[in-house]
Amino acid sequence: MTLGVLVLVLLAAYLPLCAAARQLTASEVWADSPALVIAVACAGVGLVVAWHQPRNALGWLFLGIAVCFVLSTDSVHYTVADYRLSHATWPLGPVPLFLDPLAYPAIVALGLVILLFPDGRTGSRRWSRVLWAYLGVGAAWPLSIYAVTIGAIAGHNIHILPSGDPSVVDAPTGNAAWLSTAQAVIVPVLVVFFVAFVGRQALSWRSADGERRQQLKWLMSGAAICGAGGSAALLIASLDPHMSAAANAAVNLLGIAVAALPVSIGVGILKYRLYEIDRIISRTLAYALVTGLLVGVYAGLVLLATDVLALASPVAVAASTLVAAALFSPLRRRVQRVVDRRFNRARYDADKTVAAFAARLKDAVDLDAVRDDLSGVVHQALEPAHVSVRISHRD
């Protein structure tokens, strides 16, 4: 609760600090939205997990990630207001310069939650050694930035950019030029670790069954959304290095996709609506495929009507829109059936599921285990909104 309240206080301080830094504009707030959305998602998930499972390290990791992201965001605006507008007369002195890099440990911790999912343990000595190696590389990232920052403070060479970062960190030169080389080595190594952690969970999915497999599906779905959004954001940034308004908006929107990772992990840990993941995957794929097909049909009809049939543009657009709308329902049903056969087999394997439950029931002696097994089978086969089991206690 203390950490949750701390996150709320830091979030409440965000707008006044933006106003003090004269950065309380829609574009500035939108630029900070990915970090703030991720922080809110991590804080919510971390609070619930730490409350219900205090021995699980993932809840505390998520709360730490939220605190780090919000502190980093607030410190940026504090630094701008202090060093650029008030000539370094605010209290705390250079302390905010050391809070800004907290975003880097938060990013490193996101890799940890993938490795430690779902119970906060590595599960083997080999992966424990990998964990310590990852922590060593991850610690080198903020420590290198702190070293450069301390050098700038000691040399009275603090120049704050409009972004709130010291120029010696964003564009290191002279004695600080080594920082660029260090980050060019550290970041790819951390990406390799991230991929290894995801690969480890993917391999464990093959041997998992039942509840564990559903948990891993939630993890993989969140990781897929997070990875796709992050990769697309990096691609857009590389294609448009000057970051036009459209590119900046796209990068920020895709950055928010990272929030899918803590949300999916929280569902997997708490086992809340655990068996709905197949339905979510199948619906997401189905609507994505239907949207793509309808966009292709729409564009093709517009080109056919305007370029081949020489119809007026408003008429072509209206006709194409009506055709696409008419195709939506039948196309969605057909695509949904195809996707369900591949990704939501429970709808097609209900008979096998019930038969397997009946076979297990013959040897069952624990009433609580039978009730939990029955609830899981009903969820898997019928996908109801809720399940109630009534037990008659008779002699």
Protein backbone atom coordinates (compact mmCIF):
# COMPACT_ATOMS: atom_id res chain seq x y z
CA MET A 1 0.00 0.00 0.00
CA THR A 2 2.88 2.36 0.78
CA LEU A 3 4.39 1.84 -2.66
CA GLY A 4 0.98 2.20 -4.29
CA VAL A 5 0.37 5.50 -2.50
CA LEU A 6 3.87 6.64 -3.49
CA VAL A 7 3.05 6.01 -7.15
CA LEU A 8 -0.18 8.01 -6.80
CA VAL A 9 1.67 10.93 -5.15
CA LEU A 10 4.30 10.94 -7.90
CA LEU A 11 1.58 10.84 -10.56
CA ALA A 12 -0.19 13.75 -8.86
CA ALA A 13 3.08 15.73 -8.95
CA TYR A 14 3.45 15.19 -12.71
CA LEU A 15 1.13 17.97 -13.94
CA PRO A 16 2.42 20.68 -11.53
CA LEU A 17 5.99 19.83 -12.55
CA CYS A 18 5.02 20.03 -16.22
CA ALA A 19 3.48 23.44 -15.59
CA ALA A 20 6.59 24.61 -13.72
CA ALA A 21 8.74 23.47 -16.65
CA ARG A 22 6.36 25.18 -19.11
CA GLN A 23 5.78 21.83 -20.77
CA LEU A 24 2.12 21.39 -19.93
CA THR A 25 1.07 20.95 -23.56
CA ALA A 26 -0.79 18.17 -25.31
CA SER A 27 2.33 17.14 -27.23
CA GLU A 28 4.49 16.98 -24.10
CA VAL A 29 1.92 14.99 -22.12
CA TRP A 30 1.42 12.66 -25.10
CA ALA A 31 5.19 12.14 -25.29
CA ASP A 32 5.20 11.00 -21.65
CA SER A 33 2.09 8.83 -22.02
CA PRO A 34 3.88 5.49 -22.71
CA ALA A 35 5.92 5.68 -19.49
CA LEU A 36 2.91 6.80 -17.45
CA VAL A 37 0.58 4.13 -18.87
CA ILE A 38 3.20 1.43 -18.27
CA ALA A 39 3.70 2.75 -14.72
CA VAL A 40 -0.03 2.66 -13.97
CA ALA A 41 -0.37 -0.86 -15.38
CA CYS A 42 2.65 -2.10 -13.41
CA ALA A 43 1.46 -0.40 -10.22
CA GLY A 44 -2.02 -1.93 -10.46
CA VAL A 45 -0.76 -5.43 -11.22
CA GLY A 46 2.03 -5.20 -8.66
CA LEU A 47 -0.30 -4.00 -5.91
CA VAL A 48 -2.78 -6.85 -6.49
CA VAL A 49 -0.10 -9.54 -6.79
CA ALA A 50 1.88 -8.32 -3.76
CA TRP A 51 -1.34 -8.11 -1.75
CA HIS A 52 -2.51 -11.64 -2.58
CA GLN A 53 0.88 -13.33 -3.00
CA PRO A 54 3.40 -11.38 -0.88
CA ARG A 55 6.03 -14.14 -1.28
CA ASN A 56 5.98 -13.75 -5.07
CA ALA A 57 8.80 -11.42 -6.12
CA LEU A 58 6.96 -10.37 -9.29
CA GLY A 59 4.50 -8.18 -7.40
CA TRP A 60 7.31 -6.23 -5.77
CA LEU A 61 9.18 -6.01 -9.08
CA PHE A 62 6.15 -4.47 -10.76
CA LEU A 63 5.73 -1.92 -7.96
CA GLY A 64 9.42 -1.04 -8.24
CA ILE A 65 9.10 -0.64 -12.01
CA ALA A 66 6.14 1.73 -11.55
CA VAL A 67 8.00 3.86 -8.99
CA CYS A 68 11.09 4.05 -11.22
CA PHE A 69 9.16 5.08 -14.34
CA VAL A 70 7.16 7.81 -12.59
CA LEU A 71 10.21 9.11 -10.69
CA SER A 72 12.16 9.27 -13.94
CA THR A 73 9.36 11.14 -15.72
CA ASP A 74 8.87 13.62 -12.87
CA SER A 75 12.60 14.24 -12.51
CA VAL A 76 12.89 15.23 -16.18
CA HIS A 77 10.41 18.10 -15.74
CA TYR A 78 11.91 19.05 -12.37
CA THR A 79 15.35 19.31 -13.98
CA VAL A 80 14.05 21.49 -16.82
CA ALA A 81 12.25 23.81 -14.39
CA ASP A 82 15.30 24.01 -12.13
CA TYR A 83 18.28 24.21 -14.49
CA ARG A 84 16.76 25.82 -17.59
CA LEU A 85 14.24 28.21 -16.05
CA SER A 86 15.35 28.88 -12.46
CA HIS A 87 19.16 28.84 -12.77
CA ALA A 88 19.54 25.82 -10.44
CA THR A 89 17.97 27.55 -7.44
CA TRP A 90 15.43 24.84 -6.58
CA PRO A 91 15.98 22.51 -3.60
CA LEU A 92 17.40 18.98 -4.02
CA GLY A 93 20.27 20.28 -6.15
CA PRO A 94 21.57 17.66 -8.60
CA VAL A 95 19.50 14.82 -7.07
CA PRO A 96 16.96 14.78 -9.97
CA LEU A 97 19.85 14.14 -12.36
CA PHE A 98 20.27 10.77 -10.63
CA LEU A 99 16.55 9.99 -10.72
CA ASP A 100 16.17 10.36 -14.49
CA PRO A 101 18.20 7.18 -15.30
CA LEU A 102 15.87 5.08 -13.12
CA ALA A 103 13.97 4.26 -16.30
CA TYR A 104 16.86 1.97 -17.30
CA PRO A 105 16.64 -0.34 -14.25
CA ALA A 106 12.87 -0.44 -14.83
CA ILE A 107 13.44 -1.70 -18.38
CA VAL A 108 15.90 -4.30 -17.07
CA ALA A 109 13.32 -5.41 -14.49
CA LEU A 110 10.77 -6.07 -17.26
CA GLY A 111 13.12 -8.79 -18.50
CA LEU A 112 13.28 -10.23 -14.99
CA VAL A 113 9.52 -10.66 -14.74
CA ILE A 114 9.57 -12.75 -17.93
CA LEU A 115 12.30 -15.01 -16.54
CA LEU A 116 10.70 -15.36 -13.09
CA PHE A 117 7.12 -15.90 -14.29
CA PRO A 118 4.87 -17.13 -12.67
CA ASP A 119 6.14 -17.81 -9.12
CA GLY A 120 9.14 -15.48 -8.86
CA ARG A 121 11.73 -18.28 -9.07
CA THR A 122 14.17 -19.34 -11.79
CA GLY A 123 13.60 -23.03 -11.15
CA SER A 124 17.17 -24.21 -11.84
CA ARG A 125 20.78 -23.42 -10.98
CA ARG A 126 21.65 -22.83 -14.61
CA TRP A 127 19.05 -20.12 -14.98
CA SER A 128 20.08 -18.66 -11.63
CA ARG A 129 23.55 -18.12 -13.08
CA VAL A 130 21.97 -16.57 -16.17
CA LEU A 131 19.95 -14.30 -13.88
CA TRP A 132 23.09 -13.01 -12.14
CA ALA A 133 24.82 -12.43 -15.49
CA TYR A 134 21.77 -10.48 -16.70
CA LEU A 135 21.71 -8.39 -13.53
CA GLY A 136 25.41 -7.60 -13.98
CA VAL A 137 24.92 -6.38 -17.55
CA GLY A 138 21.72 -4.54 -16.57
CA ALA A 139 23.44 -2.76 -13.69
CA ALA A 140 26.23 -1.60 -16.01
CA TRP A 141 23.68 0.42 -18.04
CA PRO A 142 22.57 2.97 -15.38
CA LEU A 143 25.96 2.89 -13.64
CA SER A 144 27.71 4.06 -16.82
CA ILE A 145 25.24 6.95 -17.07
CA TYR A 146 25.76 7.80 -13.40
CA ALA A 147 29.53 7.83 -13.93
CA VAL A 148 29.22 10.34 -16.78
CA THR A 149 26.73 12.44 -14.81
CA ILE A 150 29.01 12.56 -11.74
CA GLY A 151 31.89 13.64 -13.98
CA ALA A 152 29.78 16.46 -15.41
CA ILE A 153 28.72 17.60 -11.93
CA ALA A 154 32.30 17.50 -10.63
CA GLY A 155 33.51 19.49 -13.64
CA HIS A 156 30.63 22.01 -13.35
CA ASN A 157 29.67 21.14 -16.91
CA ILE A 158 25.94 20.56 -16.53
CA HIS A 159 23.98 21.54 -19.61
CA ILE A 160 20.34 20.42 -19.63
CA LEU A 161 18.63 19.88 -22.98
CA PRO A 162 14.93 20.76 -23.52
CA SER A 163 14.19 17.04 -23.11
CA GLY A 164 15.46 17.26 -19.52
CA ASP A 165 18.49 15.03 -20.09
CA PRO A 166 22.05 16.26 -19.56
CA SER A 167 23.79 16.88 -22.88
CA VAL A 168 26.70 14.74 -21.69
CA VAL A 169 24.30 11.75 -21.61
CA ASP A 170 22.35 12.39 -24.81
CA ALA A 171 25.37 13.41 -26.89
CA PRO A 172 28.51 12.34 -25.01
CA THR A 173 31.75 13.87 -26.26
CA GLY A 174 35.30 14.24 -24.99
CA ASN A 175 35.96 12.30 -21.80
CA ALA A 176 32.37 10.98 -21.86
CA ALA A 177 32.53 9.64 -25.43
CA TRP A 178 32.96 6.10 -24.10
CA LEU A 179 29.31 6.12 -22.98
CA SER A 180 28.10 5.73 -26.58
CA THR A 181 30.31 2.67 -27.05
CA ALA A 182 29.21 1.18 -23.72
CA GLN A 183 25.52 1.57 -24.56
CA ALA A 184 26.10 0.17 -28.05
CA VAL A 185 27.39 -3.02 -26.37
CA ILE A 186 25.05 -3.21 -23.36
CA VAL A 187 21.71 -2.73 -25.13
CA PRO A 188 22.16 -5.56 -27.73
CA VAL A 189 23.34 -7.92 -24.97
CA LEU A 190 20.23 -7.13 -22.94
CA VAL A 191 18.08 -7.79 -26.01
CA VAL A 192 19.73 -11.21 -26.37
CA PHE A 193 18.89 -11.95 -22.73
CA PHE A 194 15.28 -10.86 -23.33
CA VAL A 195 14.99 -13.22 -26.30
CA ALA A 196 16.54 -16.05 -24.25
CA PHE A 197 14.02 -15.52 -21.44
CA VAL A 198 11.09 -15.60 -23.86
CA GLY A 199 12.60 -18.66 -25.56
CA ARG A 200 12.90 -20.43 -22.23
CA GLN A 201 9.22 -19.88 -21.47
CA ALA A 202 8.24 -20.92 -25.00
CA LEU A 203 10.15 -24.19 -24.65
CA SER A 204 8.58 -24.89 -21.26
CA TRP A 205 5.15 -24.45 -22.88
CA ARG A 206 5.71 -27.60 -24.95
CA SER A 207 6.00 -29.78 -21.84
CA ALA A 208 3.38 -27.90 -19.79
CA ASP A 209 -0.26 -28.89 -19.52
CA GLY A 210 -3.47 -27.68 -17.95
CA GLU A 211 -3.27 -24.54 -15.88
CA ARG A 212 0.45 -23.99 -16.44
CA ARG A 213 -0.03 -23.98 -20.20
CA GLN A 214 -2.81 -21.39 -19.93
CA GLN A 215 -0.54 -19.20 -17.80
CA LEU A 216 2.19 -19.39 -20.43
CA LYS A 217 -0.31 -18.48 -23.14
CA TRP A 218 -1.12 -15.27 -21.26
CA LEU A 219 2.60 -14.51 -20.89
CA MET A 220 3.32 -15.16 -24.57
CA SER A 221 0.37 -13.06 -25.71
CA GLY A 222 1.50 -10.09 -23.65
CA ALA A 223 5.11 -10.55 -24.76
CA ALA A 224 4.02 -10.74 -28.41
CA ILE A 225 2.05 -7.48 -28.17
CA CYS A 226 4.90 -5.82 -26.27
CA GLY A 227 7.53 -7.04 -28.76
CA ALA A 228 5.48 -6.13 -31.81
CA GLY A 229 4.75 -2.64 -30.49
CA GLY A 230 8.35 -2.01 -29.46
CA SER A 231 9.77 -3.31 -32.75
CA ALA A 232 7.33 -1.24 -34.80
CA ALA A 233 8.20 1.87 -32.76
CA LEU A 234 11.94 1.32 -33.34
CA LEU A 235 11.33 0.76 -37.05
CA ILE A 236 9.33 3.98 -37.39
CA ALA A 237 11.98 5.91 -35.44
CA SER A 238 14.76 4.56 -37.71
CA LEU A 239 12.81 5.36 -40.90
CA ASP A 240 12.02 8.88 -39.71
CA PRO A 241 15.02 10.02 -37.63
CA HIS A 242 13.68 13.60 -37.48
CA MET A 243 10.50 12.25 -35.82
CA SER A 244 7.70 14.07 -37.60
CA ALA A 245 4.44 14.62 -35.73
CA ALA A 246 2.85 11.51 -37.27
CA ALA A 247 5.90 9.34 -36.53
CA ASN A 248 6.11 10.64 -32.95
CA ALA A 249 2.42 9.87 -32.38
CA ALA A 250 2.84 6.36 -33.80
CA VAL A 251 5.91 5.66 -31.65
CA ASN A 252 4.12 6.80 -28.48
CA LEU A 253 1.01 4.78 -29.32
CA LEU A 254 3.07 1.67 -29.95
CA GLY A 255 5.03 2.30 -26.76
CA ILE A 256 1.80 1.95 -24.82
CA ALA A 257 1.62 -1.65 -26.12
CA VAL A 258 4.33 -2.49 -23.58
CA ALA A 259 1.62 -2.18 -20.91
CA ALA A 260 0.12 -5.42 -22.27
CA LEU A 261 3.02 -7.35 -20.69
CA PRO A 262 2.30 -6.56 -17.00
CA VAL A 263 -1.45 -6.93 -17.53
CA SER A 264 -1.12 -10.38 -19.13
CA ILE A 265 1.41 -11.49 -16.51
CA GLY A 266 -0.91 -10.33 -13.73
CA VAL A 267 -3.77 -12.39 -15.17
CA GLY A 268 -1.47 -15.40 -15.47
CA ILE A 269 -0.16 -15.12 -11.89
CA LEU A 270 -3.56 -14.58 -10.29
CA LYS A 271 -5.22 -17.15 -12.61
CA TYR A 272 -8.08 -14.70 -13.16
CA ARG A 273 -10.14 -15.68 -16.23
CA LEU A 274 -7.21 -17.90 -17.07
CA TYR A 275 -9.04 -20.06 -19.59
CA GLU A 276 -10.30 -17.12 -21.64
CA ILE A 277 -6.93 -16.69 -23.34
CA ASP A 278 -7.87 -19.08 -26.18
CA ARG A 279 -10.98 -17.05 -26.87
CA ILE A 280 -9.03 -13.77 -26.77
CA ILE A 281 -6.36 -15.09 -29.15
CA SER A 282 -8.88 -16.48 -31.60
CA ARG A 283 -11.03 -13.32 -31.56
CA THR A 284 -8.00 -11.06 -31.97
CA LEU A 285 -6.65 -13.06 -34.90
CA ALA A 286 -10.07 -13.35 -36.49
CA TYR A 287 -10.81 -9.63 -36.35
CA ALA A 288 -7.29 -8.77 -37.52
CA LEU A 289 -7.67 -11.08 -40.53
CA VAL A 290 -11.17 -9.83 -41.30
CA THR A 291 -10.01 -6.21 -41.06
CA GLY A 292 -7.10 -6.90 -43.42
CA LEU A 293 -9.30 -8.72 -45.92
CA LEU A 294 -11.98 -6.02 -45.88
CA VAL A 295 -9.39 -3.25 -46.29
CA GLY A 296 -7.99 -5.14 -49.30
CA VAL A 297 -11.46 -5.64 -50.77
CA TYR A 298 -12.36 -2.00 -50.16
CA ALA A 299 -9.16 -0.67 -51.75
CA GLY A 300 -9.52 -3.05 -54.69
CA LEU A 301 -13.12 -2.04 -55.35
CA VAL A 302 -12.28 1.66 -55.17
CA LEU A 303 -9.43 1.23 -57.67
CA LEU A 304 -11.61 -0.92 -59.92
CA ALA A 305 -14.48 1.56 -59.88
CA THR A 306 -12.40 4.71 -60.40
CA ASP A 307 -9.63 3.49 -62.73
CA VAL A 308 -11.37 0.75 -64.75
CA LEU A 309 -15.06 1.64 -64.71
CA ALA A 310 -14.39 5.40 -64.56
CA LEU A 311 -17.04 6.03 -61.93
CA ALA A 312 -17.08 9.23 -59.89
CA SER A 313 -14.98 8.99 -56.73
CA PRO A 314 -17.85 9.59 -54.21
CA VAL A 315 -19.96 6.91 -55.93
CA ALA A 316 -17.06 4.43 -55.92
CA VAL A 317 -16.32 5.05 -52.26
CA ALA A 318 -19.98 4.68 -51.25
CA ALA A 319 -20.42 1.46 -53.26
CA SER A 320 -17.20 -0.02 -51.90
CA THR A 321 -18.21 0.84 -48.35
CA LEU A 322 -21.59 -0.89 -48.78
CA VAL A 323 -19.96 -4.02 -50.23
CA ALA A 324 -17.40 -4.17 -47.42
CA ALA A 325 -20.14 -3.73 -44.79
CA ALA A 326 -22.23 -6.49 -46.40
CA LEU A 327 -19.25 -8.86 -46.42
CA PHE A 328 -18.32 -8.26 -42.77
CA SER A 329 -20.66 -10.71 -41.00
CA PRO A 330 -20.34 -13.74 -43.33
CA LEU A 331 -16.59 -13.22 -43.67
CA ARG A 332 -16.16 -12.91 -39.90
CA ARG A 333 -18.07 -16.16 -39.28
CA ARG A 334 -16.00 -18.10 -41.81
CA VAL A 335 -12.68 -16.71 -40.59
CA GLN A 336 -13.67 -17.30 -36.95
CA ARG A 337 -14.38 -20.97 -37.64
CA VAL A 338 -11.01 -21.42 -39.34
CA VAL A 339 -9.12 -19.63 -36.55
CA ASP A 340 -10.98 -21.52 -33.80
CA ARG A 341 -9.99 -24.86 -35.32
CA ARG A 342 -6.35 -23.84 -34.91
CA PHE A 343 -6.24 -21.65 -31.80
CA ASN A 344 -9.38 -22.47 -29.79
CA ARG A 345 -9.62 -26.21 -30.06
CA ALA A 346 -11.69 -26.52 -26.90
CA ARG A 347 -14.81 -25.69 -28.88
CA TYR A 348 -14.10 -28.64 -31.18
CA ASP A 349 -12.65 -31.01 -28.58
CA ALA A 350 -15.42 -30.77 -25.97
CA ASP A 351 -16.27 -34.49 -26.23
CA LYS A 352 -12.64 -35.50 -25.67
CA THR A 353 -12.37 -33.09 -22.75
CA VAL A 354 -15.44 -34.54 -21.02
CA ALA A 355 -14.25 -38.11 -21.67
CA ALA A 356 -10.85 -37.33 -20.15
CA PHE A 357 -12.55 -35.81 -17.10
CA ALA A 358 -14.72 -38.93 -16.68
CA ALA A 359 -11.60 -41.11 -16.81
CA ARG A 360 -9.91 -39.02 -14.11
CA LEU A 361 -13.08 -39.04 -12.01
CA LYS A 362 -12.97 -42.82 -11.56
CA ASP A 363 -9.82 -42.57 -9.42
CA ALA A 364 -10.62 -39.29 -7.66
CA VAL A 365 -11.06 -39.27 -3.87
CA ASP A 366 -10.57 -35.59 -2.98
CA LEU A 367 -13.82 -33.64 -3.28
CA ASP A 368 -12.06 -30.27 -3.55
CA ALA A 369 -9.85 -31.56 -6.36
CA VAL A 370 -12.90 -32.93 -8.21
CA ARG A 371 -14.67 -29.58 -7.87
CA ASP A 372 -11.67 -27.64 -9.19
CA ASP A 373 -11.20 -30.13 -12.03
CA LEU A 374 -14.88 -29.92 -12.94
CA SER A 375 -14.76 -26.11 -12.97
CA GLY A 376 -11.68 -26.15 -15.22
CA VAL A 377 -13.27 -28.64 -17.64
CA VAL A 378 -16.47 -26.59 -17.89
CA HIS A 379 -14.46 -23.41 -18.52
CA GLN A 380 -12.37 -25.14 -21.17
CA ALA A 381 -15.22 -26.87 -22.99
CA LEU A 382 -18.11 -24.41 -22.68
CA GLU A 383 -16.41 -21.06 -21.94
CA PRO A 384 -19.19 -19.75 -19.64
CA ALA A 385 -19.15 -16.32 -18.03
CA HIS A 386 -19.14 -17.97 -14.57
CA VAL A 387 -19.46 -21.40 -13.00
CA SER A 388 -21.20 -22.46 -9.78
CA VAL A 389 -20.91 -25.93 -8.26
CA ARG A 390 -23.52 -27.08 -5.73
CA ILE A 391 -22.52 -29.96 -3.49
CA SER A 392 -25.14 -31.86 -1.51
CA HIS A 393 -23.76 -33.02 1.86
CA ARG A 394 -25.51 -36.29 2.67
CA ASP A 395 -24.58 -39.17 4.96
